[in-house]
Amino acid sequence: MLDLTDPAKHIEAMDALDIDVQVLISTFYIGMELDNPLEEAALARGYNRWMAESLRVHTARLPWIVRPPLRMLERAIEELLGSKGGRNT
């Protein structure tokens, strides 16, 4: 099973399957409810930073969906503007 610990190897597997782009969406947050909005914001920031750092040279082939903290509007805007969903645009 491939994960994102080695994005270059992941892209090699995509090439073998003739896949040009794979959009990455975290399933971690599906059905997850946190009582504390600050905890949600911290988890979202950590996830977004990890994705941005891990995939910084592979964003054309492995774009990802930013996870904003939905209950903190200012933090959500920061995440959306800062992360850019893995794109450099």
Foldseek 3Di string as FASTA:
>chain_A
DDDLPPVVVVVVVCVVVVHQADEAEDPPPVVDDDPDLVVLLVVQVVVLVVCCVSCVPPLRRYFYDRDASVVDVVSSVVRCVVRVRSDPD
